[in-house]
PDB file of all heavy atoms in Angstrom:
ATOM      1  N   GLY A   1     -53.947 -59.706  12.187  1.00  0.00           N
ATOM      2  CA  GLY A   1     -53.847 -58.276  11.931  1.00  0.00           C
ATOM      3  C   GLY A   1     -54.789 -57.830  10.829  1.00  0.00           C
ATOM      4  O   GLY A   1     -55.277 -58.627  10.039  1.00  0.00           O
ATOM      5  N   LYS A   2     -55.017 -56.578  10.856  1.00  0.00           N
ATOM      6  CA  LYS A   2     -55.871 -55.988   9.838  1.00  0.00           C
ATOM      7  C   LYS A   2     -55.138 -55.937   8.506  1.00  0.00           C
ATOM      8  O   LYS A   2     -53.977 -55.570   8.445  1.00  0.00           O
ATOM      9  CB  LYS A   2     -56.212 -54.570  10.257  1.00  0.00           C
ATOM     10  CG  LYS A   2     -57.649 -54.316  10.383  1.00  0.00           C
ATOM     11  CD  LYS A   2     -57.811 -52.842  10.749  1.00  0.00           C
ATOM     12  CE  LYS A   2     -59.268 -52.591  10.986  1.00  0.00           C
ATOM     13  NZ  LYS A   2     -59.513 -51.215  11.291  1.00  0.00           N
ATOM     14  N   LYS A   3     -55.807 -56.309   7.443  1.00  0.00           N
ATOM     15  CA  LYS A   3     -55.206 -56.222   6.109  1.00  0.00           C
ATOM     16  C   LYS A   3     -55.288 -54.794   5.610  1.00  0.00           C
ATOM     17  O   LYS A   3     -56.300 -54.125   5.787  1.00  0.00           O
ATOM     18  CB  LYS A   3     -55.933 -57.133   5.127  1.00  0.00           C
ATOM     19  CG  LYS A   3     -55.526 -58.547   5.208  1.00  0.00           C
ATOM     20  CD  LYS A   3     -56.107 -59.280   4.025  1.00  0.00           C
ATOM     21  CE  LYS A   3     -55.536 -60.664   3.972  1.00  0.00           C
ATOM     22  NZ  LYS A   3     -56.044 -61.415   2.856  1.00  0.00           N
ATOM     23  N   LYS A   4     -54.179 -54.377   5.014  1.00  0.00           N
ATOM     24  CA  LYS A   4     -54.172 -53.026   4.452  1.00  0.00           C
ATOM     25  C   LYS A   4     -54.925 -53.028   3.137  1.00  0.00           C
ATOM     26  O   LYS A   4     -54.830 -53.967   2.346  1.00  0.00           O
ATOM     27  CB  LYS A   4     -52.739 -52.542   4.210  1.00  0.00           C
ATOM     28  CG  LYS A   4     -52.063 -52.077   5.434  1.00  0.00           C
ATOM     29  CD  LYS A   4     -50.776 -51.392   5.045  1.00  0.00           C
ATOM     30  CE  LYS A   4     -50.140 -50.806   6.273  1.00  0.00           C
ATOM     31  NZ  LYS A   4     -48.915 -50.121   5.944  1.00  0.00           N
ATOM     32  N   LYS A   5     -55.649 -51.986   2.972  1.00  0.00           N
ATOM     33  CA  LYS A   5     -56.388 -51.809   1.738  1.00  0.00           C
ATOM     34  C   LYS A   5     -55.399 -51.453   0.619  1.00  0.00           C
ATOM     35  O   LYS A   5     -54.539 -50.599   0.805  1.00  0.00           O
ATOM     36  CB  LYS A   5     -57.375 -50.666   1.948  1.00  0.00           C
ATOM     37  CG  LYS A   5     -58.462 -50.590   0.947  1.00  0.00           C
ATOM     38  CD  LYS A   5     -59.401 -49.477   1.390  1.00  0.00           C
ATOM     39  CE  LYS A   5     -60.574 -49.407   0.462  1.00  0.00           C
ATOM     40  NZ  LYS A   5     -61.466 -48.320   0.841  1.00  0.00           N
ATOM     41  N   PRO A   6     -55.484 -52.128  -0.518  1.00  0.00           N
ATOM     42  CA  PRO A   6     -54.554 -51.786  -1.608  1.00  0.00           C
ATOM     43  C   PRO A   6     -54.762 -50.337  -2.054  1.00  0.00           C
ATOM     44  O   PRO A   6     -55.880 -49.875  -2.177  1.00  0.00           O
ATOM     45  CB  PRO A   6     -54.898 -52.755  -2.726  1.00  0.00           C
ATOM     46  CG  PRO A   6     -56.139 -53.461  -2.332  1.00  0.00           C
ATOM     47  CD  PRO A   6     -56.434 -53.153  -0.898  1.00  0.00           C
ATOM     48  N   THR A   7     -53.634 -49.669  -2.259  1.00  0.00           N
ATOM     49  CA  THR A   7     -53.721 -48.276  -2.691  1.00  0.00           C
ATOM     50  C   THR A   7     -53.736 -48.206  -4.204  1.00  0.00           C
ATOM     51  O   THR A   7     -53.104 -49.010  -4.897  1.00  0.00           O
ATOM     52  CB  THR A   7     -52.532 -47.462  -2.163  1.00  0.00           C
ATOM     53  OG1 THR A   7     -51.337 -48.056  -2.638  1.00  0.00           O
ATOM     54  CG2 THR A   7     -52.534 -47.421  -0.652  1.00  0.00           C
ATOM     55  N   LYS A   8     -54.465 -47.248  -4.673  1.00  0.00           N
ATOM     56  CA  LYS A   8     -54.511 -47.042  -6.122  1.00  0.00           C
ATOM     57  C   LYS A   8     -53.249 -46.296  -6.549  1.00  0.00           C
ATOM     58  O   LYS A   8     -52.771 -45.433  -5.817  1.00  0.00           O
ATOM     59  CB  LYS A   8     -55.735 -46.204  -6.501  1.00  0.00           C
ATOM     60  CG  LYS A   8     -57.032 -46.921  -6.302  1.00  0.00           C
ATOM     61  CD  LYS A   8     -58.164 -46.029  -6.749  1.00  0.00           C
ATOM     62  CE  LYS A   8     -59.486 -46.721  -6.495  1.00  0.00           C
ATOM     63  NZ  LYS A   8     -60.610 -45.863  -6.836  1.00  0.00           N
ATOM     64  N   PRO A   9     -52.728 -46.622  -7.718  1.00  0.00           N
ATOM     65  CA  PRO A   9     -51.560 -45.868  -8.183  1.00  0.00           C
ATOM     66  C   PRO A   9     -51.932 -44.404  -8.383  1.00  0.00           C
ATOM     67  O   PRO A   9     -53.024 -44.093  -8.837  1.00  0.00           O
ATOM     68  CB  PRO A   9     -51.188 -46.534  -9.504  1.00  0.00           C
ATOM     69  CG  PRO A   9     -52.294 -47.442  -9.857  1.00  0.00           C
ATOM     70  CD  PRO A   9     -53.159 -47.633  -8.648  1.00  0.00           C
ATOM     71  N   ARG A  10     -51.022 -43.535  -8.003  1.00  0.00           N
ATOM     72  CA  ARG A  10     -51.268 -42.106  -8.146  1.00  0.00           C
ATOM     73  C   ARG A  10     -51.145 -41.710  -9.618  1.00  0.00           C
ATOM     74  O   ARG A  10     -50.210 -42.097 -10.294  1.00  0.00           O
ATOM     75  CB  ARG A  10     -50.259 -41.317  -7.334  1.00  0.00           C
ATOM     76  CG  ARG A  10     -50.418 -41.529  -5.866  1.00  0.00           C
ATOM     77  CD  ARG A  10     -49.325 -40.827  -5.146  1.00  0.00           C
ATOM     78  NE  ARG A  10     -49.855 -39.603  -4.582  1.00  0.00           N
ATOM     79  CZ  ARG A  10     -49.107 -38.673  -4.025  1.00  0.00           C
ATOM     80  NH1 ARG A  10     -47.813 -38.805  -3.984  1.00  0.00           N
ATOM     81  NH2 ARG A  10     -49.652 -37.603  -3.520  1.00  0.00           N
ATOM     82  N   ARG A  11     -52.066 -40.961 -10.050  1.00  0.00           N
ATOM     83  CA  ARG A  11     -52.008 -40.443 -11.414  1.00  0.00           C
ATOM     84  C   ARG A  11     -51.337 -39.085 -11.388  1.00  0.00           C
ATOM     85  O   ARG A  11     -51.579 -38.286 -10.485  1.00  0.00           O
ATOM     86  CB  ARG A  11     -53.401 -40.314 -12.006  1.00  0.00           C
ATOM     87  CG  ARG A  11     -54.011 -41.646 -12.237  1.00  0.00           C
ATOM     88  CD  ARG A  11     -55.211 -41.500 -13.095  1.00  0.00           C
ATOM     89  NE  ARG A  11     -55.685 -42.848 -13.404  1.00  0.00           N
ATOM     90  CZ  ARG A  11     -56.695 -43.088 -14.160  1.00  0.00           C
ATOM     91  NH1 ARG A  11     -57.373 -42.102 -14.681  1.00  0.00           N
ATOM     92  NH2 ARG A  11     -57.062 -44.317 -14.405  1.00  0.00           N
ATOM     93  N   LYS A  12     -50.534 -38.848 -12.363  1.00  0.00           N
ATOM     94  CA  LYS A  12     -49.852 -37.562 -12.445  1.00  0.00           C
ATOM     95  C   LYS A  12     -50.819 -36.522 -13.008  1.00  0.00           C
ATOM     96  O   LYS A  12     -51.532 -36.790 -13.961  1.00  0.00           O
ATOM     97  CB  LYS A  12     -48.629 -37.663 -13.346  1.00  0.00           C
ATOM     98  CG  LYS A  12     -47.558 -38.521 -12.758  1.00  0.00           C
ATOM     99  CD  LYS A  12     -46.358 -38.547 -13.647  1.00  0.00           C
ATOM    100  CE  LYS A  12     -45.320 -39.450 -13.002  1.00  0.00           C
ATOM    101  NZ  LYS A  12     -44.134 -39.546 -13.795  1.00  0.00           N
ATOM    102  N   THR A  13     -50.776 -35.384 -12.401  1.00  0.00           N
ATOM    103  CA  THR A  13     -51.595 -34.303 -12.929  1.00  0.00           C
ATOM    104  C   THR A  13     -50.869 -33.672 -14.108  1.00  0.00           C
ATOM    105  O   THR A  13     -49.664 -33.873 -14.300  1.00  0.00           O
ATOM    106  CB  THR A  13     -51.852 -33.226 -11.846  1.00  0.00           C
ATOM    107  OG1 THR A  13     -50.612 -32.624 -11.508  1.00  0.00           O
ATOM    108  CG2 THR A  13     -52.529 -33.818 -10.633  1.00  0.00           C
ATOM    109  N   LYS A  14     -51.605 -32.915 -14.850  1.00  0.00           N
ATOM    110  CA  LYS A  14     -51.042 -32.302 -16.048  1.00  0.00           C
ATOM    111  C   LYS A  14     -49.895 -31.339 -15.718  1.00  0.00           C
ATOM    112  O   LYS A  14     -48.983 -31.153 -16.501  1.00  0.00           O
ATOM    113  CB  LYS A  14     -52.147 -31.576 -16.793  1.00  0.00           C
ATOM    114  CG  LYS A  14     -51.786 -31.182 -18.190  1.00  0.00           C
ATOM    115  CD  LYS A  14     -52.992 -30.612 -18.894  1.00  0.00           C
ATOM    116  CE  LYS A  14     -52.653 -30.365 -20.351  1.00  0.00           C
ATOM    117  NZ  LYS A  14     -53.784 -29.890 -21.102  1.00  0.00           N
ATOM    118  N   ASP A  15     -49.950 -30.738 -14.529  1.00  0.00           N
ATOM    119  CA  ASP A  15     -48.952 -29.742 -14.148  1.00  0.00           C
ATOM    120  C   ASP A  15     -47.696 -30.332 -13.515  1.00  0.00           C
ATOM    121  O   ASP A  15     -46.744 -29.607 -13.273  1.00  0.00           O
ATOM    122  CB  ASP A  15     -49.566 -28.727 -13.184  1.00  0.00           C
ATOM    123  CG  ASP A  15     -50.685 -27.944 -13.845  1.00  0.00           C
ATOM    124  OD1 ASP A  15     -50.601 -27.751 -15.076  1.00  0.00           O
ATOM    125  OD2 ASP A  15     -51.626 -27.554 -13.151  1.00  0.00           O
ATOM    126  N   GLN A  16     -47.699 -31.624 -13.209  1.00  0.00           N
ATOM    127  CA  GLN A  16     -46.522 -32.211 -12.573  1.00  0.00           C
ATOM    128  C   GLN A  16     -45.378 -32.328 -13.579  1.00  0.00           C
ATOM    129  O   GLN A  16     -45.587 -32.636 -14.744  1.00  0.00           O
ATOM    130  CB  GLN A  16     -46.829 -33.600 -12.009  1.00  0.00           C
ATOM    131  CG  GLN A  16     -47.578 -33.554 -10.702  1.00  0.00           C
ATOM    132  CD  GLN A  16     -47.819 -34.946 -10.169  1.00  0.00           C
ATOM    133  OE1 GLN A  16     -48.250 -35.831 -10.898  1.00  0.00           O
ATOM    134  NE2 GLN A  16     -47.526 -35.131  -8.895  1.00  0.00           N
ATOM    135  N   LEU A  17     -44.177 -32.086 -13.104  1.00  0.00           N
ATOM    136  CA  LEU A  17     -42.992 -32.126 -13.946  1.00  0.00           C
ATOM    137  C   LEU A  17     -42.492 -33.554 -14.099  1.00  0.00           C
ATOM    138  O   LEU A  17     -42.346 -34.280 -13.114  1.00  0.00           O
ATOM    139  CB  LEU A  17     -41.884 -31.266 -13.325  1.00  0.00           C
ATOM    140  CG  LEU A  17     -40.561 -31.236 -14.055  1.00  0.00           C
ATOM    141  CD1 LEU A  17     -40.734 -30.555 -15.410  1.00  0.00           C
ATOM    142  CD2 LEU A  17     -39.520 -30.511 -13.246  1.00  0.00           C
ATOM    143  N   VAL A  18     -42.284 -33.960 -15.296  1.00  0.00           N
ATOM    144  CA  VAL A  18     -41.692 -35.264 -15.579  1.00  0.00           C
ATOM    145  C   VAL A  18     -40.242 -35.023 -15.952  1.00  0.00           C
ATOM    146  O   VAL A  18     -39.941 -34.216 -16.824  1.00  0.00           O
ATOM    147  CB  VAL A  18     -42.431 -35.974 -16.736  1.00  0.00           C
ATOM    148  CG1 VAL A  18     -41.767 -37.275 -17.095  1.00  0.00           C
ATOM    149  CG2 VAL A  18     -43.883 -36.191 -16.370  1.00  0.00           C
ATOM    150  N   THR A  19     -39.332 -35.697 -15.293  1.00  0.00           N
ATOM    151  CA  THR A  19     -37.918 -35.518 -15.571  1.00  0.00           C
ATOM    152  C   THR A  19     -37.492 -36.498 -16.651  1.00  0.00           C
ATOM    153  O   THR A  19     -37.708 -37.702 -16.532  1.00  0.00           O
ATOM    154  CB  THR A  19     -37.068 -35.740 -14.307  1.00  0.00           C
ATOM    155  OG1 THR A  19     -37.496 -34.817 -13.320  1.00  0.00           O
ATOM    156  CG2 THR A  19     -35.602 -35.530 -14.604  1.00  0.00           C
ATOM    157  N   ALA A  20     -36.895 -35.958 -17.698  1.00  0.00           N
ATOM    158  CA  ALA A  20     -36.362 -36.777 -18.777  1.00  0.00           C
ATOM    159  C   ALA A  20     -34.890 -36.431 -18.936  1.00  0.00           C
ATOM    160  O   ALA A  20     -34.527 -35.263 -19.018  1.00  0.00           O
ATOM    161  CB  ALA A  20     -37.112 -36.512 -20.067  1.00  0.00           C
ATOM    162  N   THR A  21     -34.050 -37.444 -18.957  1.00  0.00           N
ATOM    163  CA  THR A  21     -32.610 -37.241 -19.024  1.00  0.00           C
ATOM    164  C   THR A  21     -32.071 -37.805 -20.333  1.00  0.00           C
ATOM    165  O   THR A  21     -32.406 -38.916 -20.722  1.00  0.00           O
ATOM    166  CB  THR A  21     -31.913 -37.945 -17.840  1.00  0.00           C
ATOM    167  OG1 THR A  21     -32.460 -37.429 -16.628  1.00  0.00           O
ATOM    168  CG2 THR A  21     -30.424 -37.704 -17.867  1.00  0.00           C
ATOM    169  N   ALA A  22     -31.229 -37.026 -20.990  1.00  0.00           N
ATOM    170  CA  ALA A  22     -30.550 -37.484 -22.205  1.00  0.00           C
ATOM    171  C   ALA A  22     -29.087 -37.737 -21.855  1.00  0.00           C
ATOM    172  O   ALA A  22     -28.446 -36.913 -21.210  1.00  0.00           O
ATOM    173  CB  ALA A  22     -30.649 -36.440 -23.304  1.00  0.00           C
ATOM    174  N   VAL A  23     -28.572 -38.879 -22.287  1.00  0.00           N
ATOM    175  CA  VAL A  23     -27.168 -39.228 -22.081  1.00  0.00           C
ATOM    176  C   VAL A  23     -26.550 -39.377 -23.468  1.00  0.00           C
ATOM    177  O   VAL A  23     -26.934 -40.267 -24.227  1.00  0.00           O
ATOM    178  CB  VAL A  23     -27.010 -40.527 -21.266  1.00  0.00           C
ATOM    179  CG1 VAL A  23     -25.539 -40.859 -21.091  1.00  0.00           C
ATOM    180  CG2 VAL A  23     -27.703 -40.405 -19.928  1.00  0.00           C
ATOM    181  N   LEU A  24     -25.624 -38.476 -23.800  1.00  0.00           N
ATOM    182  CA  LEU A  24     -24.991 -38.469 -25.117  1.00  0.00           C
ATOM    183  C   LEU A  24     -23.505 -38.730 -24.949  1.00  0.00           C
ATOM    184  O   LEU A  24     -22.813 -37.969 -24.284  1.00  0.00           O
ATOM    185  CB  LEU A  24     -25.221 -37.129 -25.816  1.00  0.00           C
ATOM    186  CG  LEU A  24     -26.684 -36.710 -25.966  1.00  0.00           C
ATOM    187  CD1 LEU A  24     -26.765 -35.307 -26.530  1.00  0.00           C
ATOM    188  CD2 LEU A  24     -27.427 -37.685 -26.841  1.00  0.00           C
ATOM    189  N   GLY A  25     -23.012 -39.781 -25.566  1.00  0.00           N
ATOM    190  CA  GLY A  25     -21.621 -40.176 -25.413  1.00  0.00           C
ATOM    191  C   GLY A  25     -20.696 -39.503 -26.400  1.00  0.00           C
ATOM    192  O   GLY A  25     -21.107 -38.716 -27.244  1.00  0.00           O
ATOM    193  N   GLY A  26     -19.426 -39.845 -26.284  1.00  0.00           N
ATOM    194  CA  GLY A  26     -18.411 -39.293 -27.159  1.00  0.00           C
ATOM    195  C   GLY A  26     -18.333 -40.069 -28.455  1.00  0.00           C
ATOM    196  O   GLY A  26     -18.985 -41.087 -28.644  1.00  0.00           O
ATOM    197  N   GLY A  27     -17.538 -39.569 -29.352  1.00  0.00           N
ATOM    198  CA  GLY A  27     -17.314 -40.243 -30.629  1.00  0.00           C
ATOM    199  C   GLY A  27     -17.921 -39.459 -31.763  1.00  0.00           C
ATOM    200  O   GLY A  27     -19.137 -39.491 -31.966  1.00  0.00           O
ATOM    201  N   ALA A  28     -17.096 -38.737 -32.488  1.00  0.00           N
ATOM    202  CA  ALA A  28     -17.571 -37.902 -33.596  1.00  0.00           C
ATOM    203  C   ALA A  28     -18.344 -38.691 -34.657  1.00  0.00           C
ATOM    204  O   ALA A  28     -19.325 -38.184 -35.187  1.00  0.00           O
ATOM    205  CB  ALA A  28     -16.404 -37.152 -34.225  1.00  0.00           C
ATOM    206  N   PRO A  29     -17.945 -39.938 -34.990  1.00  0.00           N
ATOM    207  CA  PRO A  29     -18.718 -40.660 -35.998  1.00  0.00           C
ATOM    208  C   PRO A  29     -20.168 -40.920 -35.585  1.00  0.00           C
ATOM    209  O   PRO A  29     -21.018 -41.144 -36.428  1.00  0.00           O
ATOM    210  CB  PRO A  29     -17.959 -41.980 -36.159  1.00  0.00           C
ATOM    211  CG  PRO A  29     -16.566 -41.662 -35.746  1.00  0.00           C
ATOM    212  CD  PRO A  29     -16.708 -40.642 -34.646  1.00  0.00           C
ATOM    213  N   LEU A  30     -20.459 -40.869 -34.285  1.00  0.00           N
ATOM    214  CA  LEU A  30     -21.828 -41.102 -33.822  1.00  0.00           C
ATOM    215  C   LEU A  30     -22.661 -39.831 -33.766  1.00  0.00           C
ATOM    216  O   LEU A  30     -23.872 -39.894 -33.557  1.00  0.00           O
ATOM    217  CB  LEU A  30     -21.805 -41.750 -32.437  1.00  0.00           C
ATOM    218  CG  LEU A  30     -21.125 -43.111 -32.352  1.00  0.00           C
ATOM    219  CD1 LEU A  30     -21.103 -43.595 -30.912  1.00  0.00           C
ATOM    220  CD2 LEU A  30     -21.829 -44.113 -33.244  1.00  0.00           C
ATOM    221  N   SER A  31     -22.051 -38.681 -33.950  1.00  0.00           N
ATOM    222  CA  SER A  31     -22.790 -37.429 -33.818  1.00  0.00           C
ATOM    223  C   SER A  31     -23.947 -37.286 -34.811  1.00  0.00           C
ATOM    224  O   SER A  31     -24.989 -36.758 -34.430  1.00  0.00           O
ATOM    225  CB  SER A  31     -21.858 -36.224 -33.860  1.00  0.00           C
ATOM    226  OG  SER A  31     -21.157 -36.167 -35.057  1.00  0.00           O
ATOM    227  N   PRO A  32     -23.842 -37.751 -36.068  1.00  0.00           N
ATOM    228  CA  PRO A  32     -25.025 -37.665 -36.930  1.00  0.00           C
ATOM    229  C   PRO A  32     -26.201 -38.492 -36.405  1.00  0.00           C
ATOM    230  O   PRO A  32     -27.346 -38.078 -36.520  1.00  0.00           O
ATOM    231  CB  PRO A  32     -24.534 -38.213 -38.281  1.00  0.00           C
ATOM    232  CG  PRO A  32     -23.073 -37.993 -38.266  1.00  0.00           C
ATOM    233  CD  PRO A  32     -22.656 -38.175 -36.841  1.00  0.00           C
TER     234      PRO A  32
END
């Protein structure tokens, strides 16, 4: 069979949205 040509990793453009998630747990002593 024909070998597939390796694909280059896609670069993100400046306008693409990057999702960032913050997970903050309970516990008042940890709030500071």
